[in-house]
Amino acid sequence: MQFKANYFLSMLAILILALLISLGNWQLDRAREKQAILDLQSARMNLDSIDISTLELTDNDLRYLPVKASGWLDTSHQILIDNQVKNGRVGYFVLTPMKLNASEAVLINRGWVAAGTDRRLLPNVALTAIDTSIEGKLDHFPSVGIKLEGADVLLESWPSVTQLINQGNVEKRLGYRIMPYQILLNKIEPNGYDRHWVPMRMGPEKHHGYAFQWFALATAWVVIYFVLTIKLGRKKNG
């Protein structure tokens, strides 16, 4: 057996190996991020609710914080976030603005409702406009991996349908400011829909599995490189 490196093959092998290892490390980073989210949710699960008026909502570290809020439900201007899949069914998240004062509101996520067979007909999410108090948890608005052009545009009618919440677009339609967080309505609160809140669709264990696959491919690629190089060395000396 004779090992004789080929320059082109060696450079190709190094580039592909670096790519495979970087993909594996990226998946490990994603797993750590997901685990941090789960740890944060667990740590804040049993905290007492804090009045939202006492919080500085420009803080980026408020996710899953239990809060209570009081105000007037602007039920004439509800928002449906489209393409939300639950148990294999497509539906909407129902967001209802709660006016905290004359110029500011927070969006209350009242849960998930299924879409009908005719997507032109929206689900009935009507609710009486009342002054009320609710409790829930702060969260970011739903996001997507790839943002398509126009995904954050709201339809002209009410309830207005969109695929993504763009704070500026929503404020323009409503005519008042909204806070940069939504409130996930607690399950025990009235006037809600399916509220099985989950922090993520794919947990850290999936990313660990993907990382293992990338590292296994990297190992296999190293073996293939040495096998091909040895064969080339034999041919040259044959």
Protein backbone atom coordinates (compact mmCIF):
# COMPACT_ATOMS: atom_id res chain seq x y z
CA MET A 1 0.00 0.00 0.00
CA GLN A 2 1.38 3.39 -1.01
CA PHE A 3 -0.04 6.81 -0.13
CA LYS A 4 0.63 9.53 -2.66
CA ALA A 5 -1.31 12.78 -2.30
CA ASN A 6 -2.86 14.44 -5.31
CA TYR A 7 -2.87 18.25 -5.07
CA PHE A 8 -6.30 18.81 -6.62
CA LEU A 9 -7.92 15.93 -4.73
CA SER A 10 -6.32 17.07 -1.48
CA MET A 11 -7.60 20.65 -1.84
CA LEU A 12 -11.07 19.38 -2.71
CA ALA A 13 -10.99 17.04 0.27
CA ILE A 14 -9.98 19.85 2.64
CA LEU A 15 -12.73 22.17 1.37
CA ILE A 16 -15.45 19.54 1.62
CA LEU A 17 -14.22 18.40 5.04
CA ALA A 18 -14.27 21.99 6.31
CA LEU A 19 -17.81 22.42 4.98
CA LEU A 20 -19.08 19.24 6.63
CA ILE A 21 -17.49 20.10 9.97
CA SER A 22 -18.85 23.65 9.85
CA LEU A 23 -22.36 22.29 9.18
CA GLY A 24 -22.01 19.94 12.13
CA ASN A 25 -20.85 22.76 14.41
CA TRP A 26 -23.72 24.95 13.15
CA GLN A 27 -26.21 22.29 14.19
CA LEU A 28 -24.57 22.07 17.62
CA ASP A 29 -24.91 25.85 17.96
CA ARG A 30 -28.58 25.60 17.02
CA ALA A 31 -29.04 22.86 19.63
CA ARG A 32 -27.48 25.08 22.30
CA GLU A 33 -29.77 27.95 21.29
CA LYS A 34 -32.84 25.71 21.50
CA GLN A 35 -31.78 24.33 24.89
CA ALA A 36 -31.29 27.87 26.19
CA ILE A 37 -34.87 28.71 25.12
CA LEU A 38 -36.21 25.63 26.92
CA ASP A 39 -34.21 26.46 30.04
CA LEU A 40 -35.50 30.04 29.98
CA GLN A 41 -39.10 28.90 29.63
CA SER A 42 -38.69 26.41 32.47
CA ALA A 43 -37.07 29.01 34.75
CA ARG A 44 -39.90 31.50 34.21
CA MET A 45 -42.79 29.08 34.19
CA ASN A 46 -43.72 29.47 37.87
CA LEU A 47 -42.90 33.15 38.37
CA ASP A 48 -45.63 35.49 39.57
CA SER A 49 -47.21 37.65 36.88
CA ILE A 50 -45.82 41.17 36.54
CA ASP A 51 -47.96 44.13 35.52
CA ILE A 52 -46.99 44.92 31.95
CA SER A 53 -47.14 48.65 32.65
CA THR A 54 -44.08 48.31 34.89
CA LEU A 55 -41.89 46.74 32.20
CA GLU A 56 -39.59 48.34 29.66
CA LEU A 57 -40.58 46.34 26.59
CA THR A 58 -37.60 47.47 24.55
CA ASP A 59 -35.68 44.93 26.66
CA ASN A 60 -34.86 41.87 24.53
CA ASP A 61 -34.73 39.54 27.55
CA LEU A 62 -38.41 39.33 28.46
CA ARG A 63 -39.45 36.24 26.55
CA TYR A 64 -41.77 33.88 28.50
CA LEU A 65 -42.07 36.35 31.38
CA PRO A 66 -45.53 35.96 33.00
CA VAL A 67 -47.46 39.24 32.79
CA LYS A 68 -50.88 40.68 33.47
CA ALA A 69 -52.45 43.47 31.48
CA SER A 70 -55.61 45.53 31.69
CA GLY A 71 -57.26 47.47 28.92
CA TRP A 72 -59.89 47.64 26.21
CA LEU A 73 -60.08 44.92 23.57
CA ASP A 74 -60.16 46.44 20.10
CA THR A 75 -62.16 43.57 18.63
CA SER A 76 -62.93 45.45 15.41
CA HIS A 77 -59.29 45.23 14.33
CA GLN A 78 -58.18 41.66 14.90
CA ILE A 79 -55.31 40.01 13.01
CA LEU A 80 -55.05 36.43 11.76
CA ILE A 81 -51.54 35.05 11.24
CA ASP A 82 -51.87 32.58 8.38
CA ASN A 83 -50.11 29.27 7.65
CA GLN A 84 -49.86 28.10 11.26
CA VAL A 85 -49.76 24.28 11.23
CA LYS A 86 -50.93 22.22 14.21
CA ASN A 87 -51.25 18.44 14.14
CA GLY A 88 -51.03 18.48 10.36
CA ARG A 89 -53.82 21.05 9.94
CA VAL A 90 -53.40 24.58 8.64
CA GLY A 91 -54.90 27.43 10.59
CA TYR A 92 -54.41 30.87 12.08
CA PHE A 93 -53.22 32.51 15.26
CA VAL A 94 -55.80 35.05 16.44
CA LEU A 95 -54.28 38.31 17.66
CA THR A 96 -56.53 40.85 19.36
CA PRO A 97 -55.20 44.32 20.23
CA MET A 98 -55.62 45.39 23.84
CA LYS A 99 -55.53 49.16 24.20
CA LEU A 100 -53.51 49.92 27.32
CA ASN A 101 -54.05 53.66 26.90
CA ALA A 102 -55.12 56.08 24.18
CA SER A 103 -52.02 55.58 22.06
CA GLU A 104 -50.55 52.16 22.85
CA ALA A 105 -51.65 48.55 22.71
CA VAL A 106 -50.34 45.02 23.06
CA LEU A 107 -51.42 42.15 20.82
CA ILE A 108 -53.05 39.28 22.71
CA ASN A 109 -52.56 35.92 21.02
CA ARG A 110 -55.84 34.15 21.79
CA GLY A 111 -54.68 30.87 20.28
CA TRP A 112 -54.97 28.76 17.15
CA VAL A 113 -58.05 28.15 15.02
CA ALA A 114 -58.30 25.80 12.07
CA ALA A 115 -58.78 27.09 8.54
CA GLY A 116 -61.82 25.93 6.63
CA THR A 117 -61.83 24.02 3.36
CA ASP A 118 -62.56 27.31 1.57
CA ARG A 119 -59.69 29.64 2.44
CA ARG A 120 -61.72 32.61 1.24
CA LEU A 121 -63.97 32.17 4.28
CA LEU A 122 -62.24 33.24 7.48
CA PRO A 123 -63.03 31.69 10.87
CA ASN A 124 -65.45 33.58 13.09
CA VAL A 125 -63.31 35.15 15.83
CA ALA A 126 -65.84 37.79 16.89
CA LEU A 127 -65.60 38.99 20.46
CA THR A 128 -67.42 41.64 22.45
CA ALA A 129 -65.32 44.75 23.00
CA ILE A 130 -64.83 45.04 26.74
CA ASP A 131 -62.54 46.44 29.37
CA THR A 132 -60.82 43.45 30.88
CA SER A 133 -57.73 42.07 32.58
CA ILE A 134 -55.82 39.07 31.29
CA GLU A 135 -52.74 37.05 32.15
CA GLY A 136 -50.28 35.34 29.86
CA LYS A 137 -46.65 35.14 28.85
CA LEU A 138 -44.63 37.50 26.70
CA ASP A 139 -43.23 36.05 23.51
CA HIS A 140 -41.83 37.12 20.17
CA PHE A 141 -44.16 37.13 17.19
CA PRO A 142 -44.12 33.96 15.02
CA SER A 143 -41.28 33.92 12.50
CA VAL A 144 -40.36 31.94 9.37
CA GLY A 145 -37.10 30.61 8.01
CA ILE A 146 -37.37 32.42 4.69
CA LYS A 147 -39.33 35.66 4.46
CA LEU A 148 -41.12 36.00 1.14
CA GLU A 149 -41.86 39.39 -0.35
CA GLY A 150 -45.24 40.66 0.80
CA ALA A 151 -45.52 38.14 3.64
CA ASP A 152 -45.91 40.94 6.18
CA VAL A 153 -48.62 42.83 4.26
CA LEU A 154 -52.01 42.95 5.97
CA LEU A 155 -55.20 42.46 3.97
CA GLU A 156 -57.51 45.45 3.82
CA SER A 157 -60.52 43.79 5.46
CA TRP A 158 -60.98 42.90 9.13
CA PRO A 159 -60.03 40.57 10.59
CA SER A 160 -56.89 41.23 8.62
CA VAL A 161 -54.79 38.30 7.43
CA THR A 162 -51.01 38.31 7.25
CA GLN A 163 -48.24 35.72 7.37
CA LEU A 164 -45.86 37.74 9.51
CA ILE A 165 -46.22 40.53 12.03
CA ASN A 166 -44.36 43.63 10.95
CA GLN A 167 -44.67 46.09 13.81
CA GLY A 168 -44.57 49.15 11.54
CA ASN A 169 -47.20 47.78 9.16
CA VAL A 170 -49.53 46.84 12.01
CA GLU A 171 -49.18 50.24 13.68
CA LYS A 172 -49.94 51.97 10.39
CA ARG A 173 -53.15 49.97 9.95
CA LEU A 174 -54.29 50.33 13.55
CA GLY A 175 -53.39 53.97 13.97
CA TYR A 176 -51.68 53.48 17.31
CA ARG A 177 -48.48 51.96 18.67
CA ILE A 178 -48.14 48.29 19.56
CA MET A 179 -45.58 46.73 21.86
CA PRO A 180 -42.80 44.60 20.32
CA TYR A 181 -44.02 41.48 22.15
CA GLN A 182 -47.23 39.49 21.97
CA ILE A 183 -48.94 38.04 25.04
CA LEU A 184 -49.70 34.32 24.82
CA LEU A 185 -53.03 34.08 26.60
CA ASN A 186 -53.02 31.60 29.49
CA LYS A 187 -55.11 28.46 29.02
CA ILE A 188 -57.38 29.27 31.96
CA GLU A 189 -58.32 32.67 30.55
CA PRO A 190 -61.69 32.96 28.75
CA ASN A 191 -62.21 33.98 25.11
CA GLY A 192 -59.35 31.86 23.77
CA TYR A 193 -58.83 29.04 21.29
CA ASP A 194 -56.28 26.21 21.12
CA ARG A 195 -53.47 27.43 23.39
CA HIS A 196 -51.03 24.54 23.60
CA TRP A 197 -48.07 26.88 23.52
CA VAL A 198 -44.78 25.29 22.50
CA PRO A 199 -41.48 27.23 22.37
CA MET A 200 -40.30 25.59 19.14
CA ARG A 201 -41.26 23.11 16.47
CA MET A 202 -37.94 21.27 16.59
CA GLY A 203 -36.12 20.63 19.85
CA PRO A 204 -32.34 20.44 20.47
CA GLU A 205 -32.29 16.65 20.11
CA LYS A 206 -33.07 16.97 16.40
CA HIS A 207 -30.11 19.29 15.91
CA HIS A 208 -27.87 16.86 17.78
CA GLY A 209 -28.98 14.17 15.36
CA TYR A 210 -28.25 16.35 12.35
CA ALA A 211 -24.84 17.27 13.79
CA PHE A 212 -24.01 13.57 14.17
CA GLN A 213 -24.92 13.00 10.53
CA TRP A 214 -22.67 15.82 9.31
CA PHE A 215 -19.74 14.61 11.42
CA ALA A 216 -20.33 11.03 10.21
CA LEU A 217 -20.21 12.29 6.61
CA ALA A 218 -16.98 14.14 7.42
CA THR A 219 -15.46 10.92 8.75
CA ALA A 220 -16.64 8.98 5.72
CA TRP A 221 -15.21 11.66 3.42
CA VAL A 222 -11.77 11.34 5.07
CA VAL A 223 -11.87 7.57 4.52
CA ILE A 224 -12.91 8.05 0.89
CA TYR A 225 -10.08 10.55 0.37
CA PHE A 226 -7.43 8.14 1.63
CA VAL A 227 -8.86 5.23 -0.36
CA LEU A 228 -8.88 7.27 -3.60
CA THR A 229 -5.41 8.63 -2.96
CA ILE A 230 -3.98 5.17 -2.33
CA LYS A 231 -5.59 3.86 -5.53
CA LEU A 232 -4.18 6.76 -7.53
CA GLY A 233 -0.75 6.07 -6.05
CA ARG A 234 -0.93 2.43 -7.11
CA LYS A 235 -1.94 3.34 -10.66
CA LYS A 236 0.98 5.71 -11.04
CA ASN A 237 3.40 3.11 -9.80
CA GLY A 238 1.77 0.24 -11.70
